[in-house]
Amino acid sequence: MKGLYDKLYENIKEICHRFPMVEEKVNGFGHTSFRVKDKPFVILGGDESNPSLSIKTLKTTQEMLIQQKGYKKSPYIGRHGWTTFPLEKMDWKAVEDYLLEAYFRTAPKNVIKKMQMNRN
């Protein structure tokens, strides 16, 4: 039976791998990040009993989100726009939109341009 962390990981992985050039990496602390050109745009941390999800947001997006219950600036990296998302009652469509925003903030411009051309 899959636990909360495993379900979170599987959902994030499924969304992130829709984007070009995404790679997955586990750091020395056991945090899994999804990256483009070795730059992270989402980080999964914690463990089964206390998982966490941090997404690289625009600072204006972060300011809007942290006004809502459960959202907060991510420890250590929050000053760069990283936002920790609440995991109860996840709105997966919204999370997908924030992941796309994070990807666009991180990916090289030529990759984004090619991705946008393929959508048209």
PDB file of N, CA and C in Angstrom:
ATOM      1  N   MET A   1       0.843  -1.191   0.000  1.00  0.00           N
ATOM      2  CA  MET A   1       0.000   0.000   0.000  1.00  0.00           C
ATOM      3  C   MET A   1       0.885   1.250   0.000  1.00  0.00           C
ATOM      4  N   LYS A   2       0.594   2.169  -0.910  1.00  0.00           N
ATOM      5  CA  LYS A   2       1.386   3.384  -1.006  1.00  0.00           C
ATOM      6  C   LYS A   2       0.970   4.377   0.066  1.00  0.00           C
ATOM      7  N   GLY A   3       1.970   5.032   0.627  1.00  0.00           N
ATOM      8  CA  GLY A   3       1.722   6.040   1.640  1.00  0.00           C
ATOM      9  C   GLY A   3       1.636   7.426   1.028  1.00  0.00           C
ATOM     10  N   LEU A   4       1.500   8.413   1.886  1.00  0.00           N
ATOM     11  CA  LEU A   4       1.343   9.807   1.463  1.00  0.00           C
ATOM     12  C   LEU A   4       2.533  10.295   0.643  1.00  0.00           C
ATOM     13  N   TYR A   5       3.757  10.018   1.114  1.00  0.00           N
ATOM     14  CA  TYR A   5       4.945  10.469   0.373  1.00  0.00           C
ATOM     15  C   TYR A   5       4.996   9.821  -1.007  1.00  0.00           C
ATOM     16  N   ASP A   6       4.735   8.522  -1.070  1.00  0.00           N
ATOM     17  CA  ASP A   6       4.781   7.809  -2.350  1.00  0.00           C
ATOM     18  C   ASP A   6       3.752   8.355  -3.333  1.00  0.00           C
ATOM     19  N   LYS A   7       2.552   8.653  -2.851  1.00  0.00           N
ATOM     20  CA  LYS A   7       1.507   9.206  -3.718  1.00  0.00           C
ATOM     21  C   LYS A   7       1.903  10.597  -4.213  1.00  0.00           C
ATOM     22  N   LEU A   8       2.437  11.405  -3.296  1.00  0.00           N
ATOM     23  CA  LEU A   8       2.899  12.744  -3.664  1.00  0.00           C
ATOM     24  C   LEU A   8       3.986  12.640  -4.731  1.00  0.00           C
ATOM     25  N   TYR A   9       4.962  11.776  -4.488  1.00  0.00           N
ATOM     26  CA  TYR A   9       6.064  11.582  -5.430  1.00  0.00           C
ATOM     27  C   TYR A   9       5.547  11.147  -6.796  1.00  0.00           C
ATOM     28  N   GLU A  10       4.679  10.173  -6.838  1.00  0.00           N
ATOM     29  CA  GLU A  10       4.161   9.663  -8.111  1.00  0.00           C
ATOM     30  C   GLU A  10       3.408  10.743  -8.882  1.00  0.00           C
ATOM     31  N   ASN A  11       2.592  11.537  -8.200  1.00  0.00           N
ATOM     32  CA  ASN A  11       1.843  12.617  -8.865  1.00  0.00           C
ATOM     33  C   ASN A  11       2.779  13.692  -9.403  1.00  0.00           C
ATOM     34  N   ILE A  12       3.738  14.110  -8.589  1.00  0.00           N
ATOM     35  CA  ILE A  12       4.684  15.145  -9.019  1.00  0.00           C
ATOM     36  C   ILE A  12       5.523  14.625 -10.184  1.00  0.00           C
ATOM     37  N   LYS A  13       5.987  13.403 -10.083  1.00  0.00           N
ATOM     38  CA  LYS A  13       6.796  12.798 -11.145  1.00  0.00           C
ATOM     39  C   LYS A  13       6.019  12.750 -12.460  1.00  0.00           C
ATOM     40  N   GLU A  14       4.766  12.329 -12.393  1.00  0.00           N
ATOM     41  CA  GLU A  14       3.946  12.225 -13.602  1.00  0.00           C
ATOM     42  C   GLU A  14       3.780  13.590 -14.271  1.00  0.00           C
ATOM     43  N   ILE A  15       3.568  14.628 -13.486  1.00  0.00           N
ATOM     44  CA  ILE A  15       3.408  15.985 -14.037  1.00  0.00           C
ATOM     45  C   ILE A  15       4.737  16.489 -14.603  1.00  0.00           C
ATOM     46  N   CYS A  16       5.803  16.381 -13.819  1.00  0.00           N
ATOM     47  CA  CYS A  16       7.098  16.956 -14.219  1.00  0.00           C
ATOM     48  C   CYS A  16       7.676  16.302 -15.466  1.00  0.00           C
ATOM     49  N   HIS A  17       7.446  15.024 -15.638  1.00  0.00           N
ATOM     50  CA  HIS A  17       8.020  14.351 -16.801  1.00  0.00           C
ATOM     51  C   HIS A  17       7.253  14.623 -18.084  1.00  0.00           C
ATOM     52  N   ARG A  18       6.221  15.442 -18.020  1.00  0.00           N
ATOM     53  CA  ARG A  18       5.554  15.927 -19.238  1.00  0.00           C
ATOM     54  C   ARG A  18       6.384  17.034 -19.885  1.00  0.00           C
ATOM     55  N   PHE A  19       7.238  17.668 -19.101  1.00  0.00           N
ATOM     56  CA  PHE A  19       8.041  18.790 -19.567  1.00  0.00           C
ATOM     57  C   PHE A  19       9.360  18.269 -20.153  1.00  0.00           C
ATOM     58  N   PRO A  20       9.885  18.925 -21.203  1.00  0.00           N
ATOM     59  CA  PRO A  20      11.136  18.481 -21.820  1.00  0.00           C
ATOM     60  C   PRO A  20      12.336  18.594 -20.876  1.00  0.00           C
ATOM     61  N   MET A  21      13.259  17.656 -21.035  1.00  0.00           N
ATOM     62  CA  MET A  21      14.574  17.688 -20.388  1.00  0.00           C
ATOM     63  C   MET A  21      14.544  17.607 -18.861  1.00  0.00           C
ATOM     64  N   VAL A  22      13.474  17.124 -18.273  1.00  0.00           N
ATOM     65  CA  VAL A  22      13.391  17.053 -16.814  1.00  0.00           C
ATOM     66  C   VAL A  22      14.140  15.824 -16.322  1.00  0.00           C
ATOM     67  N   GLU A  23      14.949  16.039 -15.304  1.00  0.00           N
ATOM     68  CA  GLU A  23      15.679  14.960 -14.654  1.00  0.00           C
ATOM     69  C   GLU A  23      15.354  14.969 -13.176  1.00  0.00           C
ATOM     70  N   GLU A  24      15.512  13.832 -12.571  1.00  0.00           N
ATOM     71  CA  GLU A  24      15.232  13.646 -11.156  1.00  0.00           C
ATOM     72  C   GLU A  24      16.562  13.397 -10.439  1.00  0.00           C
ATOM     73  N   LYS A  25      16.690  13.977  -9.254  1.00  0.00           N
ATOM     74  CA  LYS A  25      17.937  13.817  -8.504  1.00  0.00           C
ATOM     75  C   LYS A  25      17.611  13.749  -7.013  1.00  0.00           C
ATOM     76  N   VAL A  26      18.301  12.872  -6.301  1.00  0.00           N
ATOM     77  CA  VAL A  26      18.162  12.783  -4.847  1.00  0.00           C
ATOM     78  C   VAL A  26      19.455  13.311  -4.242  1.00  0.00           C
ATOM     79  N   ASN A  27      19.320  14.276  -3.324  1.00  0.00           N
ATOM     80  CA  ASN A  27      20.514  14.863  -2.722  1.00  0.00           C
ATOM     81  C   ASN A  27      20.943  14.085  -1.475  1.00  0.00           C
ATOM     82  N   GLY A  28      21.979  14.536  -0.829  1.00  0.00           N
ATOM     83  CA  GLY A  28      22.522  13.871   0.348  1.00  0.00           C
ATOM     84  C   GLY A  28      21.579  13.849   1.544  1.00  0.00           C
ATOM     85  N   PHE A  29      20.579  14.691   1.545  1.00  0.00           N
ATOM     86  CA  PHE A  29      19.594  14.723   2.627  1.00  0.00           C
ATOM     87  C   PHE A  29      18.391  13.828   2.327  1.00  0.00           C
ATOM     88  N   GLY A  30      18.398  13.206   1.146  1.00  0.00           N
ATOM     89  CA  GLY A  30      17.289  12.344   0.755  1.00  0.00           C
ATOM     90  C   GLY A  30      16.142  13.084   0.101  1.00  0.00           C
ATOM     91  N   HIS A  31      16.331  14.370  -0.209  1.00  0.00           N
ATOM     92  CA  HIS A  31      15.291  15.148  -0.884  1.00  0.00           C
ATOM     93  C   HIS A  31      15.347  14.872  -2.381  1.00  0.00           C
ATOM     94  N   THR A  32      14.197  14.659  -2.975  1.00  0.00           N
ATOM     95  CA  THR A  32      14.107  14.423  -4.409  1.00  0.00           C
ATOM     96  C   THR A  32      13.763  15.739  -5.090  1.00  0.00           C
ATOM     97  N   SER A  33      14.545  16.083  -6.108  1.00  0.00           N
ATOM     98  CA  SER A  33      14.226  17.289  -6.870  1.00  0.00           C
ATOM     99  C   SER A  33      14.030  16.923  -8.329  1.00  0.00           C
ATOM    100  N   PHE A  34      13.198  17.703  -8.973  1.00  0.00           N
ATOM    101  CA  PHE A  34      13.008  17.592 -10.408  1.00  0.00           C
ATOM    102  C   PHE A  34      13.650  18.836 -10.985  1.00  0.00           C
ATOM    103  N   ARG A  35      14.492  18.618 -12.017  1.00  0.00           N
ATOM    104  CA  ARG A  35      15.380  19.664 -12.508  1.00  0.00           C
ATOM    105  C   ARG A  35      15.342  19.751 -14.027  1.00  0.00           C
ATOM    106  N   VAL A  36      15.726  20.908 -14.506  1.00  0.00           N
ATOM    107  CA  VAL A  36      15.977  21.094 -15.924  1.00  0.00           C
ATOM    108  C   VAL A  36      17.336  21.775 -16.025  1.00  0.00           C
ATOM    109  N   LYS A  37      18.228  21.171 -16.813  1.00  0.00           N
ATOM    110  CA  LYS A  37      19.617  21.662 -16.931  1.00  0.00           C
ATOM    111  C   LYS A  37      20.271  21.761 -15.554  1.00  0.00           C
ATOM    112  N   ASP A  38      20.021  20.793 -14.716  1.00  0.00           N
ATOM    113  CA  ASP A  38      20.543  20.655 -13.348  1.00  0.00           C
ATOM    114  C   ASP A  38      20.108  21.783 -12.405  1.00  0.00           C
ATOM    115  N   LYS A  39      19.054  22.487 -12.755  1.00  0.00           N
ATOM    116  CA  LYS A  39      18.494  23.522 -11.881  1.00  0.00           C
ATOM    117  C   LYS A  39      17.139  23.031 -11.368  1.00  0.00           C
ATOM    118  N   PRO A  40      16.965  22.948 -10.046  1.00  0.00           N
ATOM    119  CA  PRO A  40      15.710  22.426  -9.503  1.00  0.00           C
ATOM    120  C   PRO A  40      14.557  23.417  -9.646  1.00  0.00           C
ATOM    121  N   PHE A  41      13.362  22.866  -9.855  1.00  0.00           N
ATOM    122  CA  PHE A  41      12.157  23.707  -9.853  1.00  0.00           C
ATOM    123  C   PHE A  41      11.108  23.162  -8.900  1.00  0.00           C
ATOM    124  N   VAL A  42      11.305  21.967  -8.373  1.00  0.00           N
ATOM    125  CA  VAL A  42      10.427  21.411  -7.343  1.00  0.00           C
ATOM    126  C   VAL A  42      11.257  20.446  -6.498  1.00  0.00           C
ATOM    127  N   ILE A  43      10.998  20.469  -5.192  1.00  0.00           N
ATOM    128  CA  ILE A  43      11.723  19.607  -4.256  1.00  0.00           C
ATOM    129  C   ILE A  43      10.721  18.913  -3.335  1.00  0.00           C
ATOM    130  N   LEU A  44      10.885  17.595  -3.235  1.00  0.00           N
ATOM    131  CA  LEU A  44      10.109  16.803  -2.282  1.00  0.00           C
ATOM    132  C   LEU A  44      11.031  16.450  -1.131  1.00  0.00           C
ATOM    133  N   GLY A  45      10.579  16.725   0.074  1.00  0.00           N
ATOM    134  CA  GLY A  45      11.398  16.439   1.244  1.00  0.00           C
ATOM    135  C   GLY A  45      10.630  15.661   2.275  1.00  0.00           C
ATOM    136  N   GLY A  46      11.240  15.518   3.423  1.00  0.00           N
ATOM    137  CA  GLY A  46      10.603  14.820   4.519  1.00  0.00           C
ATOM    138  C   GLY A  46      10.595  13.324   4.308  1.00  0.00           C
ATOM    139  N   ASP A  47       9.645  12.670   4.959  1.00  0.00           N
ATOM    140  CA  ASP A  47       9.516  11.224   4.864  1.00  0.00           C
ATOM    141  C   ASP A  47       8.041  10.859   4.876  1.00  0.00           C
ATOM    142  N   GLU A  48       7.758   9.580   5.002  1.00  0.00           N
ATOM    143  CA  GLU A  48       6.369   9.118   4.932  1.00  0.00           C
ATOM    144  C   GLU A  48       5.473   9.780   5.980  1.00  0.00           C
ATOM    145  N   SER A  49       6.008  10.025   7.165  1.00  0.00           N
ATOM    146  CA  SER A  49       5.175  10.606   8.219  1.00  0.00           C
ATOM    147  C   SER A  49       5.082  12.135   8.136  1.00  0.00           C
ATOM    148  N   ASN A  50       6.010  12.750   7.395  1.00  0.00           N
ATOM    149  CA  ASN A  50       6.026  14.208   7.332  1.00  0.00           C
ATOM    150  C   ASN A  50       6.587  14.685   5.986  1.00  0.00           C
ATOM    151  N   PRO A  51       5.893  14.380   4.869  1.00  0.00           N
ATOM    152  CA  PRO A  51       6.404  14.807   3.567  1.00  0.00           C
ATOM    153  C   PRO A  51       6.231  16.308   3.361  1.00  0.00           C
ATOM    154  N   SER A  52       7.040  16.861   2.453  1.00  0.00           N
ATOM    155  CA  SER A  52       6.904  18.279   2.123  1.00  0.00           C
ATOM    156  C   SER A  52       7.082  18.476   0.626  1.00  0.00           C
ATOM    157  N   LEU A  53       6.474  19.539   0.124  1.00  0.00           N
ATOM    158  CA  LEU A  53       6.526  19.898  -1.281  1.00  0.00           C
ATOM    159  C   LEU A  53       6.864  21.375  -1.391  1.00  0.00           C
ATOM    160  N   SER A  54       7.996  21.680  -2.033  1.00  0.00           N
ATOM    161  CA  SER A  54       8.405  23.066  -2.263  1.00  0.00           C
ATOM    162  C   SER A  54       8.519  23.299  -3.760  1.00  0.00           C
ATOM    163  N   ILE A  55       7.916  24.394  -4.210  1.00  0.00           N
ATOM    164  CA  ILE A  55       7.921  24.745  -5.626  1.00  0.00           C
ATOM    165  C   ILE A  55       8.509  26.142  -5.785  1.00  0.00           C
ATOM    166  N   LYS A  56       9.321  26.293  -6.826  1.00  0.00           N
ATOM    167  CA  LYS A  56       9.944  27.583  -7.131  1.00  0.00           C
ATOM    168  C   LYS A  56       8.895  28.487  -7.773  1.00  0.00           C
ATOM    169  N   THR A  57       8.409  29.458  -7.028  1.00  0.00           N
ATOM    170  CA  THR A  57       7.369  30.356  -7.525  1.00  0.00           C
ATOM    171  C   THR A  57       7.941  31.756  -7.746  1.00  0.00           C
ATOM    172  N   LEU A  58       7.220  32.549  -8.495  1.00  0.00           N
ATOM    173  CA  LEU A  58       7.548  33.973  -8.575  1.00  0.00           C
ATOM    174  C   LEU A  58       7.348  34.561  -7.184  1.00  0.00           C
ATOM    175  N   LYS A  59       8.096  35.584  -6.843  1.00  0.00           N
ATOM    176  CA  LYS A  59       7.927  36.178  -5.507  1.00  0.00           C
ATOM    177  C   LYS A  59       6.522  36.745  -5.318  1.00  0.00           C
ATOM    178  N   THR A  60       5.930  37.266  -6.382  1.00  0.00           N
ATOM    179  CA  THR A  60       4.561  37.778  -6.266  1.00  0.00           C
ATOM    180  C   THR A  60       3.581  36.631  -6.025  1.00  0.00           C
ATOM    181  N   THR A  61       3.822  35.504  -6.671  1.00  0.00           N
ATOM    182  CA  THR A  61       2.987  34.320  -6.436  1.00  0.00           C
ATOM    183  C   THR A  61       3.162  33.846  -5.001  1.00  0.00           C
ATOM    184  N   GLN A  62       4.402  33.810  -4.557  1.00  0.00           N
ATOM    185  CA  GLN A  62       4.682  33.386  -3.183  1.00  0.00           C
ATOM    186  C   GLN A  62       3.960  34.277  -2.175  1.00  0.00           C
ATOM    187  N   GLU A  63       4.015  35.585  -2.373  1.00  0.00           N
ATOM    188  CA  GLU A  63       3.351  36.512  -1.443  1.00  0.00           C
ATOM    189  C   GLU A  63       1.844  36.279  -1.409  1.00  0.00           C
ATOM    190  N   MET A  64       1.262  35.994  -2.567  1.00  0.00           N
ATOM    191  CA  MET A  64      -0.168  35.703  -2.621  1.00  0.00           C
ATOM    192  C   MET A  64      -0.472  34.394  -1.887  1.00  0.00           C
ATOM    193  N   LEU A  65       0.345  33.375  -2.145  1.00  0.00           N
ATOM    194  CA  LEU A  65       0.084  32.060  -1.552  1.00  0.00           C
ATOM    195  C   LEU A  65       0.234  32.052  -0.039  1.00  0.00           C
ATOM    196  N   ILE A  66       1.277  32.707   0.477  1.00  0.00           N
ATOM    197  CA  ILE A  66       1.509  32.627   1.931  1.00  0.00           C
ATOM    198  C   ILE A  66       0.463  33.385   2.742  1.00  0.00           C
ATOM    199  N   GLN A  67      -0.402  34.120   2.059  1.00  0.00           N
ATOM    200  CA  GLN A  67      -1.532  34.745   2.743  1.00  0.00           C
ATOM    201  C   GLN A  67      -2.636  33.720   3.010  1.00  0.00           C
ATOM    202  N   GLN A  68      -2.531  32.571   2.347  1.00  0.00           N
ATOM    203  CA  GLN A  68      -3.527  31.511   2.490  1.00  0.00           C
ATOM    204  C   GLN A  68      -3.041  30.475   3.504  1.00  0.00           C
ATOM    205  N   LYS A  69      -3.985  29.824   4.129  1.00  0.00           N
ATOM    206  CA  LYS A  69      -3.694  28.837   5.169  1.00  0.00           C
ATOM    207  C   LYS A  69      -2.839  27.691   4.622  1.00  0.00           C
ATOM    208  N   GLY A  70      -1.767  27.379   5.346  1.00  0.00           N
ATOM    209  CA  GLY A  70      -0.946  26.217   5.040  1.00  0.00           C
ATOM    210  C   GLY A  70       0.265  26.483   4.163  1.00  0.00           C
ATOM    211  N   TYR A  71       0.261  27.553   3.403  1.00  0.00           N
ATOM    212  CA  TYR A  71       1.405  27.883   2.550  1.00  0.00           C
ATOM    213  C   TYR A  71       2.429  28.649   3.372  1.00  0.00           C
ATOM    214  N   LYS A  72       3.708  28.422   3.086  1.00  0.00           N
ATOM    215  CA  LYS A  72       4.752  29.185   3.775  1.00  0.00           C
ATOM    216  C   LYS A  72       5.999  29.261   2.919  1.00  0.00           C
ATOM    217  N   LYS A  73       6.858  30.206   3.245  1.00  0.00           N
ATOM    218  CA  LYS A  73       8.144  30.289   2.572  1.00  0.00           C
ATOM    219  C   LYS A  73       8.944  29.058   2.969  1.00  0.00           C
ATOM    220  N   SER A  74       9.578  28.432   1.994  1.00  0.00           N
ATOM    221  CA  SER A  74      10.374  27.239   2.269  1.00  0.00           C
ATOM    222  C   SER A  74      11.606  27.617   3.082  1.00  0.00           C
ATOM    223  N   PRO A  75      11.955  26.787   4.081  1.00  0.00           N
ATOM    224  CA  PRO A  75      13.147  27.072   4.886  1.00  0.00           C
ATOM    225  C   PRO A  75      14.394  27.185   4.000  1.00  0.00           C
ATOM    226  N   TYR A  76      15.240  28.134   4.319  1.00  0.00           N
ATOM    227  CA  TYR A  76      16.524  28.391   3.666  1.00  0.00           C
ATOM    228  C   TYR A  76      16.413  28.971   2.259  1.00  0.00           C
ATOM    229  N   ILE A  77      15.464  28.544   1.460  1.00  0.00           N
ATOM    230  CA  ILE A  77      15.383  28.973   0.059  1.00  0.00           C
ATOM    231  C   ILE A  77      14.161  29.843  -0.227  1.00  0.00           C
ATOM    232  N   GLY A  78      13.360  30.096   0.793  1.00  0.00           N
ATOM    233  CA  GLY A  78      12.149  30.896   0.627  1.00  0.00           C
ATOM    234  C   GLY A  78      12.415  32.301   0.133  1.00  0.00           C
ATOM    235  N   ARG A  79      13.546  32.851   0.481  1.00  0.00           N
ATOM    236  CA  ARG A  79      13.859  34.219   0.045  1.00  0.00           C
ATOM    237  C   ARG A  79      14.058  34.302  -1.475  1.00  0.00           C
ATOM    238  N   HIS A  80      14.229  33.142  -2.114  1.00  0.00           N
ATOM    239  CA  HIS A  80      14.381  33.084  -3.566  1.00  0.00           C
ATOM    240  C   HIS A  80      13.064  32.737  -4.267  1.00  0.00           C
ATOM    241  N   GLY A  81      11.970  32.757  -3.526  1.00  0.00           N
ATOM    242  CA  GLY A  81      10.652  32.511  -4.107  1.00  0.00           C
ATOM    243  C   GLY A  81      10.117  31.107  -3.893  1.00  0.00           C
ATOM    244  N   TRP A  82      10.887  30.246  -3.250  1.00  0.00           N
ATOM    245  CA  TRP A  82      10.419  28.875  -3.022  1.00  0.00           C
ATOM    246  C   TRP A  82       9.304  28.874  -1.986  1.00  0.00           C
ATOM    247  N   THR A  83       8.227  28.147  -2.308  1.00  0.00           N
ATOM    248  CA  THR A  83       7.050  28.091  -1.449  1.00  0.00           C
ATOM    249  C   THR A  83       6.747  26.648  -1.085  1.00  0.00           C
ATOM    250  N   THR A  84       6.500  26.401   0.202  1.00  0.00           N
ATOM    251  CA  THR A  84       6.093  25.084   0.669  1.00  0.00           C
ATOM    252  C   THR A  84       4.573  25.026   0.627  1.00  0.00           C
ATOM    253  N   PHE A  85       4.065  23.982  -0.017  1.00  0.00           N
ATOM    254  CA  PHE A  85       2.633  23.822  -0.234  1.00  0.00           C
ATOM    255  C   PHE A  85       2.019  22.918   0.833  1.00  0.00           C
ATOM    256  N   PRO A  86       0.788  23.223   1.261  1.00  0.00           N
ATOM    257  CA  PRO A  86       0.090  22.327   2.192  1.00  0.00           C
ATOM    258  C   PRO A  86      -0.315  21.053   1.450  1.00  0.00           C
ATOM    259  N   LEU A  87      -0.256  19.937   2.129  1.00  0.00           N
ATOM    260  CA  LEU A  87      -0.521  18.663   1.452  1.00  0.00           C
ATOM    261  C   LEU A  87      -1.928  18.134   1.661  1.00  0.00           C
ATOM    262  N   GLU A  88      -2.642  18.699   2.616  1.00  0.00           N
ATOM    263  CA  GLU A  88      -4.017  18.252   2.803  1.00  0.00           C
ATOM    264  C   GLU A  88      -4.907  18.934   1.767  1.00  0.00           C
ATOM    265  N   LYS A  89      -5.783  18.151   1.173  1.00  0.00           N
ATOM    266  CA  LYS A  89      -6.723  18.639   0.151  1.00  0.00           C
ATOM    267  C   LYS A  89      -6.005  19.344  -1.004  1.00  0.00           C
ATOM    268  N   MET A  90      -5.068  18.639  -1.623  1.00  0.00           N
ATOM    269  CA  MET A  90      -4.306  19.213  -2.737  1.00  0.00           C
ATOM    270  C   MET A  90      -5.214  19.457  -3.937  1.00  0.00           C
ATOM    271  N   ASP A  91      -5.095  20.637  -4.507  1.00  0.00           N
ATOM    272  CA  ASP A  91      -5.756  20.953  -5.765  1.00  0.00           C
ATOM    273  C   ASP A  91      -4.733  20.660  -6.861  1.00  0.00           C
ATOM    274  N   TRP A  92      -4.810  19.463  -7.436  1.00  0.00           N
ATOM    275  CA  TRP A  92      -3.762  19.027  -8.360  1.00  0.00           C
ATOM    276  C   TRP A  92      -3.717  19.847  -9.640  1.00  0.00           C
ATOM    277  N   LYS A  93      -4.831  20.403 -10.075  1.00  0.00           N
ATOM    278  CA  LYS A  93      -4.807  21.268 -11.255  1.00  0.00           C
ATOM    279  C   LYS A  93      -4.000  22.530 -10.946  1.00  0.00           C
ATOM    280  N   ALA A  94      -4.201  23.104  -9.766  1.00  0.00           N
ATOM    281  CA  ALA A  94      -3.426  24.288  -9.360  1.00  0.00           C
ATOM    282  C   ALA A  94      -1.952  23.937  -9.210  1.00  0.00           C
ATOM    283  N   VAL A  95      -1.655  22.790  -8.589  1.00  0.00           N
ATOM    284  CA  VAL A  95      -0.258  22.362  -8.426  1.00  0.00           C
ATOM    285  C   VAL A  95       0.398  22.212  -9.790  1.00  0.00           C
ATOM    286  N   GLU A  96      -0.323  21.633 -10.733  1.00  0.00           N
ATOM    287  CA  GLU A  96       0.217  21.483 -12.093  1.00  0.00           C
ATOM    288  C   GLU A  96       0.549  22.844 -12.703  1.00  0.00           C
ATOM    289  N   ASP A  97      -0.309  23.821 -12.504  1.00  0.00           N
ATOM    290  CA  ASP A  97      -0.056  25.177 -13.009  1.00  0.00           C
ATOM    291  C   ASP A  97       1.180  25.794 -12.355  1.00  0.00           C
ATOM    292  N   TYR A  98       1.326  25.615 -11.041  1.00  0.00           N
ATOM    293  CA  TYR A  98       2.501  26.148 -10.348  1.00  0.00           C
ATOM    294  C   TYR A  98       3.780  25.440 -10.788  1.00  0.00           C
ATOM    295  N   LEU A  99       3.685  24.146 -11.070  1.00  0.00           N
ATOM    296  CA  LEU A  99       4.849  23.412 -11.571  1.00  0.00           C
ATOM    297  C   LEU A  99       5.252  23.907 -12.955  1.00  0.00           C
ATOM    298  N   LEU A 100       4.269  24.203 -13.793  1.00  0.00           N
ATOM    299  CA  LEU A 100       4.575  24.750 -15.117  1.00  0.00           C
ATOM    300  C   LEU A 100       5.237  26.122 -14.979  1.00  0.00           C
ATOM    301  N   GLU A 101       4.716  26.957 -14.085  1.00  0.00           N
ATOM    302  CA  GLU A 101       5.330  28.267 -13.830  1.00  0.00           C
ATOM    303  C   GLU A 101       6.777  28.085 -13.368  1.00  0.00           C
ATOM    304  N   ALA A 102       6.994  27.143 -12.459  1.00  0.00           N
ATOM    305  CA  ALA A 102       8.335  26.881 -11.946  1.00  0.00           C
ATOM    306  C   ALA A 102       9.263  26.392 -13.054  1.00  0.00           C
ATOM    307  N   TYR A 103       8.748  25.515 -13.890  1.00  0.00           N
ATOM    308  CA  TYR A 103       9.537  25.013 -15.015  1.00  0.00           C
ATOM    309  C   TYR A 103       9.931  26.168 -15.935  1.00  0.00           C
ATOM    310  N   PHE A 104       8.967  27.021 -16.281  1.00  0.00           N
ATOM    311  CA  PHE A 104       9.256  28.161 -17.152  1.00  0.00           C
ATOM    312  C   PHE A 104      10.259  29.128 -16.519  1.00  0.00           C
ATOM    313  N   ARG A 105      10.253  29.248 -15.206  1.00  0.00           N
ATOM    314  CA  ARG A 105      11.225  30.113 -14.525  1.00  0.00           C
ATOM    315  C   ARG A 105      12.630  29.530 -14.566  1.00  0.00           C
ATOM    316  N   THR A 106      12.725  28.220 -14.749  1.00  0.00           N
ATOM    317  CA  THR A 106      13.992  27.517 -14.603  1.00  0.00           C
ATOM    318  C   THR A 106      14.613  27.085 -15.930  1.00  0.00           C
ATOM    319  N   ALA A 107      13.791  26.663 -16.874  1.00  0.00           N
ATOM    320  CA  ALA A 107      14.285  26.109 -18.138  1.00  0.00           C
ATOM    321  C   ALA A 107      14.939  27.191 -19.000  1.00  0.00           C
ATOM    322  N   PRO A 108      15.899  26.787 -19.819  1.00  0.00           N
ATOM    323  CA  PRO A 108      16.500  27.733 -20.765  1.00  0.00           C
ATOM    324  C   PRO A 108      15.448  28.269 -21.737  1.00  0.00           C
ATOM    325  N   LYS A 109      15.638  29.493 -22.157  1.00  0.00           N
ATOM    326  CA  LYS A 109      14.658  30.156 -23.026  1.00  0.00           C
ATOM    327  C   LYS A 109      14.432  29.398 -24.333  1.00  0.00           C
ATOM    328  N   ASN A 110      15.476  28.792 -24.899  1.00  0.00           N
ATOM    329  CA  ASN A 110      15.294  28.067 -26.161  1.00  0.00           C
ATOM    330  C   ASN A 110      14.428  26.817 -25.965  1.00  0.00           C
ATOM    331  N   VAL A 111      14.492  26.191 -24.807  1.00  0.00           N
ATOM    332  CA  VAL A 111      13.660  25.025 -24.512  1.00  0.00           C
ATOM    333  C   VAL A 111      12.198  25.455 -24.361  1.00  0.00           C
ATOM    334  N   ILE A 112      11.988  26.565 -23.674  1.00  0.00           N
ATOM    335  CA  ILE A 112      10.626  27.088 -23.493  1.00  0.00           C
ATOM    336  C   ILE A 112      10.024  27.472 -24.840  1.00  0.00           C
ATOM    337  N   LYS A 113      10.815  28.152 -25.675  1.00  0.00           N
ATOM    338  CA  LYS A 113      10.328  28.580 -26.987  1.00  0.00           C
ATOM    339  C   LYS A 113       9.932  27.371 -27.831  1.00  0.00           C
ATOM    340  N   LYS A 114      10.767  26.340 -27.817  1.00  0.00           N
ATOM    341  CA  LYS A 114      10.458  25.119 -28.583  1.00  0.00           C
ATOM    342  C   LYS A 114       9.192  24.450 -28.048  1.00  0.00           C
ATOM    343  N   MET A 115       9.059  24.430 -26.730  1.00  0.00           N
ATOM    344  CA  MET A 115       7.877  23.830 -26.090  1.00  0.00           C
ATOM    345  C   MET A 115       6.618  24.596 -26.489  1.00  0.00           C
ATOM    346  N   GLN A 116       6.691  25.926 -26.497  1.00  0.00           N
ATOM    347  CA  GLN A 116       5.538  26.744 -26.868  1.00  0.00           C
ATOM    348  C   GLN A 116       5.192  26.576 -28.348  1.00  0.00           C
ATOM    349  N   MET A 117       6.206  26.426 -29.203  1.00  0.00           N
ATOM    350  CA  MET A 117       5.966  26.233 -30.627  1.00  0.00           C
ATOM    351  C   MET A 117       5.269  24.894 -30.870  1.00  0.00           C
ATOM    352  N   ASN A 118       5.622  23.870 -30.109  1.00  0.00           N
ATOM    353  CA  ASN A 118       5.010  22.561 -30.267  1.00  0.00           C
ATOM    354  C   ASN A 118       3.559  22.531 -29.809  1.00  0.00           C
ATOM    355  N   ARG A 119       3.182  23.456 -28.935  1.00  0.00           N
ATOM    356  CA  ARG A 119       1.800  23.532 -28.470  1.00  0.00           C
ATOM    357  C   ARG A 119       0.876  24.146 -29.503  1.00  0.00           C
ATOM    358  N   ASN A 120       1.433  24.971 -30.382  1.00  0.00           N
ATOM    359  CA  ASN A 120       0.617  25.680 -31.395  1.00  0.00           C
ATOM    360  C   ASN A 120       0.387  24.838 -32.623  1.00  0.00           C
TER     361      ASN A 120
END
